[in-house]
Amino acid sequence: MTGESPYEKKKQPKKIEVLLDSLLHKLSGSTSQDITEILENWELIIGGPLSKLSSPTHIKNQILYIQVVDSGVAREVEWRKAETLKAANENTSKAKLQDMKIIIKQ
């Protein structure tokens, strides 16, 4: 026998990042790259003062979820919804966000 047997062939393991991206995309319709880009540009997207009082948590079905410290900040973020979505879409390569939901940190 000159060919390799199936037992001799070794499959190369997939990188964990690739597996996580694949799983995240199946579950939420986004990738870790999308939320990473938003996290890296959060101050630019939402503005300096609000960036310290809020943080993006995840993206699901083209909806950006944002956690805020209290209801006052939630109102301010809601008022800036259109400009925040526009800035987020401009600062990510693939995510095309349609909406955002605000969660008040408990």
N, C-alpha and C. Protein backbone atom coordinates (compact mmCIF):
# COMPACT_ATOMS: atom_id res chain seq x y z
N MET A 1 0.82 -1.18 0.00
CA MET A 1 0.00 0.00 0.00
C MET A 1 0.87 1.25 0.00
N THR A 2 0.64 2.06 -0.98
CA THR A 2 1.42 3.28 -1.04
C THR A 2 0.63 4.50 -0.59
N GLY A 3 -0.69 4.42 -0.56
CA GLY A 3 -1.52 5.56 -0.13
C GLY A 3 -1.60 5.63 1.38
N GLU A 4 -1.93 6.80 1.87
CA GLU A 4 -2.08 6.99 3.31
C GLU A 4 -3.43 6.44 3.76
N SER A 5 -3.43 5.80 4.87
CA SER A 5 -4.69 5.32 5.42
C SER A 5 -5.39 6.49 6.11
N PRO A 6 -6.71 6.40 6.27
CA PRO A 6 -7.42 7.49 6.96
C PRO A 6 -6.91 7.72 8.37
N TYR A 7 -6.34 6.69 8.96
CA TYR A 7 -5.83 6.84 10.34
C TYR A 7 -4.52 7.62 10.38
N GLU A 8 -3.80 7.61 9.27
CA GLU A 8 -2.52 8.32 9.24
C GLU A 8 -2.70 9.80 8.94
N LYS A 9 -3.79 10.16 8.29
CA LYS A 9 -4.04 11.57 7.98
C LYS A 9 -4.46 12.27 9.25
N LYS A 10 -3.85 13.38 9.48
CA LYS A 10 -4.20 14.16 10.66
C LYS A 10 -4.95 15.41 10.21
N LYS A 11 -6.08 15.62 10.80
CA LYS A 11 -6.82 16.84 10.53
C LYS A 11 -6.26 17.95 11.41
N GLN A 12 -6.11 19.10 10.83
CA GLN A 12 -5.63 20.24 11.59
C GLN A 12 -6.80 20.82 12.37
N PRO A 13 -6.61 21.10 13.63
CA PRO A 13 -7.71 21.68 14.42
C PRO A 13 -8.01 23.09 13.96
N LYS A 14 -9.28 23.46 14.07
CA LYS A 14 -9.69 24.82 13.72
C LYS A 14 -9.35 25.74 14.87
N LYS A 15 -9.03 26.95 14.53
CA LYS A 15 -8.73 27.94 15.57
C LYS A 15 -10.01 28.25 16.33
N ILE A 16 -9.87 28.46 17.62
CA ILE A 16 -11.03 28.74 18.47
C ILE A 16 -11.76 29.99 18.02
N GLU A 17 -11.02 30.98 17.53
CA GLU A 17 -11.64 32.22 17.05
C GLU A 17 -12.59 31.94 15.89
N VAL A 18 -12.18 31.07 14.99
CA VAL A 18 -13.02 30.71 13.84
C VAL A 18 -14.28 29.99 14.31
N LEU A 19 -14.12 29.08 15.25
CA LEU A 19 -15.27 28.34 15.78
C LEU A 19 -16.24 29.27 16.52
N LEU A 20 -15.69 30.18 17.32
CA LEU A 20 -16.55 31.11 18.05
C LEU A 20 -17.29 32.05 17.11
N ASP A 21 -16.60 32.55 16.09
CA ASP A 21 -17.25 33.40 15.11
C ASP A 21 -18.38 32.67 14.41
N SER A 22 -18.13 31.43 14.04
CA SER A 22 -19.14 30.64 13.36
C SER A 22 -20.36 30.43 14.27
N LEU A 23 -20.13 30.09 15.52
CA LEU A 23 -21.21 29.88 16.47
C LEU A 23 -21.96 31.19 16.73
N LEU A 24 -21.24 32.27 16.95
CA LEU A 24 -21.85 33.56 17.20
C LEU A 24 -22.71 33.99 16.01
N HIS A 25 -22.21 33.77 14.81
CA HIS A 25 -22.96 34.15 13.61
C HIS A 25 -24.26 33.34 13.51
N LYS A 26 -24.19 32.06 13.81
CA LYS A 26 -25.39 31.22 13.77
C LYS A 26 -26.41 31.63 14.83
N LEU A 27 -25.93 31.99 16.01
CA LEU A 27 -26.84 32.34 17.10
C LEU A 27 -27.41 33.75 16.99
N SER A 28 -26.58 34.69 16.54
CA SER A 28 -27.03 36.08 16.59
C SER A 28 -27.01 36.82 15.26
N GLY A 29 -26.42 36.25 14.26
CA GLY A 29 -26.34 36.92 12.97
C GLY A 29 -25.19 37.91 12.88
N SER A 30 -24.31 37.92 13.85
CA SER A 30 -23.14 38.81 13.81
C SER A 30 -21.90 38.00 14.14
N THR A 31 -20.75 38.65 14.08
CA THR A 31 -19.50 37.98 14.40
C THR A 31 -18.83 38.72 15.55
N SER A 32 -17.83 38.09 16.12
CA SER A 32 -17.09 38.76 17.20
C SER A 32 -16.36 39.98 16.66
N GLN A 33 -16.02 39.97 15.38
CA GLN A 33 -15.34 41.12 14.78
C GLN A 33 -16.25 42.35 14.83
N ASP A 34 -17.56 42.15 14.59
CA ASP A 34 -18.49 43.28 14.61
C ASP A 34 -18.51 43.97 15.98
N ILE A 35 -18.69 43.20 17.03
CA ILE A 35 -18.77 43.81 18.36
C ILE A 35 -17.40 44.33 18.80
N THR A 36 -16.33 43.67 18.37
CA THR A 36 -14.98 44.15 18.70
C THR A 36 -14.73 45.51 18.08
N GLU A 37 -15.14 45.69 16.82
CA GLU A 37 -14.96 46.99 16.17
C GLU A 37 -15.76 48.07 16.88
N ILE A 38 -16.96 47.74 17.32
CA ILE A 38 -17.78 48.71 18.04
C ILE A 38 -17.14 49.04 19.39
N LEU A 39 -16.66 48.03 20.10
CA LEU A 39 -15.99 48.27 21.39
C LEU A 39 -14.77 49.16 21.22
N GLU A 40 -13.97 48.89 20.20
CA GLU A 40 -12.75 49.66 19.97
C GLU A 40 -13.06 51.12 19.63
N ASN A 41 -14.20 51.38 19.01
CA ASN A 41 -14.55 52.73 18.57
C ASN A 41 -15.68 53.34 19.40
N TRP A 42 -15.98 52.77 20.57
CA TRP A 42 -17.15 53.18 21.34
C TRP A 42 -17.14 54.67 21.69
N GLU A 43 -16.01 55.20 22.11
CA GLU A 43 -15.94 56.62 22.47
C GLU A 43 -16.27 57.50 21.27
N LEU A 44 -15.78 57.13 20.11
CA LEU A 44 -16.05 57.87 18.88
C LEU A 44 -17.52 57.73 18.48
N ILE A 45 -18.09 56.54 18.67
CA ILE A 45 -19.47 56.27 18.26
C ILE A 45 -20.48 57.02 19.13
N ILE A 46 -20.33 56.95 20.44
CA ILE A 46 -21.36 57.51 21.33
C ILE A 46 -20.97 58.84 21.96
N GLY A 47 -19.70 59.15 21.94
CA GLY A 47 -19.25 60.41 22.53
C GLY A 47 -18.55 60.17 23.86
N GLY A 48 -17.59 61.01 24.16
CA GLY A 48 -16.75 60.85 25.34
C GLY A 48 -17.45 60.63 26.66
N PRO A 49 -18.30 61.57 27.10
CA PRO A 49 -18.93 61.40 28.41
C PRO A 49 -19.82 60.16 28.50
N LEU A 50 -20.61 59.90 27.46
CA LEU A 50 -21.51 58.74 27.49
C LEU A 50 -20.75 57.41 27.38
N SER A 51 -19.57 57.44 26.79
CA SER A 51 -18.81 56.20 26.64
C SER A 51 -18.37 55.63 27.99
N LYS A 52 -18.25 56.50 28.97
CA LYS A 52 -17.85 56.05 30.31
C LYS A 52 -19.04 55.54 31.13
N LEU A 53 -20.25 55.84 30.67
CA LEU A 53 -21.46 55.46 31.39
C LEU A 53 -22.26 54.37 30.69
N SER A 54 -21.74 53.90 29.57
CA SER A 54 -22.44 52.89 28.79
C SER A 54 -21.43 51.98 28.10
N SER A 55 -21.91 50.82 27.68
CA SER A 55 -21.03 49.93 26.91
C SER A 55 -21.87 49.00 26.05
N PRO A 56 -21.42 48.75 24.83
CA PRO A 56 -22.12 47.80 23.97
C PRO A 56 -21.86 46.39 24.50
N THR A 57 -22.89 45.56 24.54
CA THR A 57 -22.72 44.21 25.07
C THR A 57 -22.70 43.15 23.97
N HIS A 58 -23.60 43.28 23.01
CA HIS A 58 -23.64 42.31 21.92
C HIS A 58 -24.54 42.82 20.79
N ILE A 59 -24.51 42.08 19.69
CA ILE A 59 -25.35 42.37 18.54
C ILE A 59 -26.15 41.11 18.26
N LYS A 60 -27.44 41.27 18.06
CA LYS A 60 -28.28 40.13 17.70
C LYS A 60 -29.32 40.60 16.70
N ASN A 61 -29.37 39.92 15.56
CA ASN A 61 -30.34 40.25 14.51
C ASN A 61 -30.31 41.72 14.13
N GLN A 62 -29.12 42.24 13.94
CA GLN A 62 -28.87 43.62 13.54
C GLN A 62 -29.33 44.65 14.58
N ILE A 63 -29.43 44.20 15.84
CA ILE A 63 -29.77 45.09 16.94
C ILE A 63 -28.57 45.17 17.88
N LEU A 64 -28.13 46.39 18.15
CA LEU A 64 -27.03 46.63 19.08
C LEU A 64 -27.60 46.78 20.48
N TYR A 65 -27.11 45.96 21.40
CA TYR A 65 -27.53 46.03 22.80
C TYR A 65 -26.51 46.84 23.58
N ILE A 66 -27.01 47.83 24.32
CA ILE A 66 -26.15 48.74 25.07
C ILE A 66 -26.55 48.71 26.54
N GLN A 67 -25.58 48.52 27.41
CA GLN A 67 -25.84 48.54 28.85
C GLN A 67 -25.45 49.92 29.39
N VAL A 68 -26.34 50.50 30.20
CA VAL A 68 -26.09 51.83 30.77
C VAL A 68 -26.19 51.76 32.29
N VAL A 69 -25.68 52.79 32.95
CA VAL A 69 -25.62 52.77 34.42
C VAL A 69 -26.93 53.16 35.09
N ASP A 70 -27.74 54.01 34.45
CA ASP A 70 -29.01 54.40 35.07
C ASP A 70 -30.00 54.89 34.02
N SER A 71 -31.21 55.22 34.49
CA SER A 71 -32.28 55.61 33.56
C SER A 71 -32.02 56.95 32.87
N GLY A 72 -31.32 57.85 33.54
CA GLY A 72 -30.97 59.13 32.92
C GLY A 72 -30.07 58.95 31.71
N VAL A 73 -29.09 58.09 31.86
CA VAL A 73 -28.19 57.79 30.74
C VAL A 73 -28.97 57.05 29.65
N ALA A 74 -29.88 56.17 30.05
CA ALA A 74 -30.70 55.44 29.07
C ALA A 74 -31.50 56.41 28.20
N ARG A 75 -32.08 57.43 28.82
CA ARG A 75 -32.83 58.44 28.06
C ARG A 75 -31.92 59.19 27.09
N GLU A 76 -30.75 59.58 27.56
CA GLU A 76 -29.81 60.32 26.70
C GLU A 76 -29.38 59.46 25.51
N VAL A 77 -29.08 58.19 25.77
CA VAL A 77 -28.68 57.27 24.68
C VAL A 77 -29.84 57.10 23.70
N GLU A 78 -31.05 56.98 24.22
CA GLU A 78 -32.24 56.83 23.37
C GLU A 78 -32.42 58.07 22.49
N TRP A 79 -32.22 59.26 23.04
CA TRP A 79 -32.34 60.50 22.26
C TRP A 79 -31.32 60.56 21.13
N ARG A 80 -30.18 59.93 21.34
CA ARG A 80 -29.11 59.96 20.34
C ARG A 80 -29.11 58.71 19.46
N LYS A 81 -30.20 57.99 19.45
CA LYS A 81 -30.29 56.70 18.76
C LYS A 81 -29.87 56.79 17.28
N ALA A 82 -30.46 57.71 16.53
CA ALA A 82 -30.18 57.80 15.10
C ALA A 82 -28.71 58.06 14.82
N GLU A 83 -28.13 59.03 15.54
CA GLU A 83 -26.72 59.35 15.30
C GLU A 83 -25.80 58.23 15.79
N THR A 84 -26.19 57.54 16.87
CA THR A 84 -25.39 56.42 17.37
C THR A 84 -25.37 55.27 16.38
N LEU A 85 -26.54 54.92 15.83
CA LEU A 85 -26.60 53.84 14.83
C LEU A 85 -25.80 54.21 13.59
N LYS A 86 -25.92 55.45 13.15
CA LYS A 86 -25.17 55.90 11.97
C LYS A 86 -23.67 55.79 12.22
N ALA A 87 -23.22 56.28 13.37
CA ALA A 87 -21.79 56.23 13.70
C ALA A 87 -21.31 54.79 13.85
N ALA A 88 -22.12 53.93 14.46
CA ALA A 88 -21.73 52.53 14.62
C ALA A 88 -21.59 51.85 13.26
N ASN A 89 -22.53 52.11 12.36
CA ASN A 89 -22.45 51.51 11.02
C ASN A 89 -21.26 52.05 10.23
N GLU A 90 -20.91 53.30 10.44
CA GLU A 90 -19.76 53.89 9.75
C GLU A 90 -18.43 53.35 10.29
N ASN A 91 -18.43 52.88 11.53
CA ASN A 91 -17.20 52.43 12.16
C ASN A 91 -17.06 50.92 12.26
N THR A 92 -17.88 50.20 11.52
CA THR A 92 -17.74 48.75 11.44
C THR A 92 -17.68 48.36 9.98
N SER A 93 -16.99 47.28 9.70
CA SER A 93 -16.82 46.89 8.31
C SER A 93 -17.99 46.09 7.75
N LYS A 94 -18.67 45.32 8.60
CA LYS A 94 -19.74 44.46 8.09
C LYS A 94 -21.10 44.67 8.74
N ALA A 95 -21.13 44.97 10.01
CA ALA A 95 -22.42 45.06 10.72
C ALA A 95 -23.25 46.21 10.16
N LYS A 96 -24.46 45.92 9.79
CA LYS A 96 -25.41 46.95 9.36
C LYS A 96 -26.55 46.96 10.37
N LEU A 97 -26.36 47.76 11.39
CA LEU A 97 -27.30 47.79 12.50
C LEU A 97 -28.57 48.53 12.12
N GLN A 98 -29.71 47.97 12.52
CA GLN A 98 -31.00 48.56 12.23
C GLN A 98 -31.64 49.21 13.46
N ASP A 99 -31.25 48.75 14.64
CA ASP A 99 -31.89 49.24 15.86
C ASP A 99 -30.93 49.05 17.03
N MET A 100 -31.32 49.58 18.17
CA MET A 100 -30.56 49.33 19.39
C MET A 100 -31.51 49.22 20.57
N LYS A 101 -31.10 48.43 21.53
CA LYS A 101 -31.87 48.24 22.76
C LYS A 101 -30.97 48.62 23.92
N ILE A 102 -31.59 49.26 24.90
CA ILE A 102 -30.83 49.75 26.05
C ILE A 102 -31.22 48.95 27.28
N ILE A 103 -30.21 48.51 28.00
CA ILE A 103 -30.39 47.72 29.20
C ILE A 103 -29.79 48.50 30.36
N ILE A 104 -30.57 48.68 31.43
CA ILE A 104 -30.06 49.39 32.61
C ILE A 104 -29.38 48.37 33.51
N LYS A 105 -28.13 48.64 33.83
CA LYS A 105 -27.33 47.74 34.68
C LYS A 105 -27.96 47.65 36.06
N GLN A 106 -28.08 46.45 36.55
CA GLN A 106 -28.68 46.21 37.88
C GLN A 106 -27.64 46.25 38.95
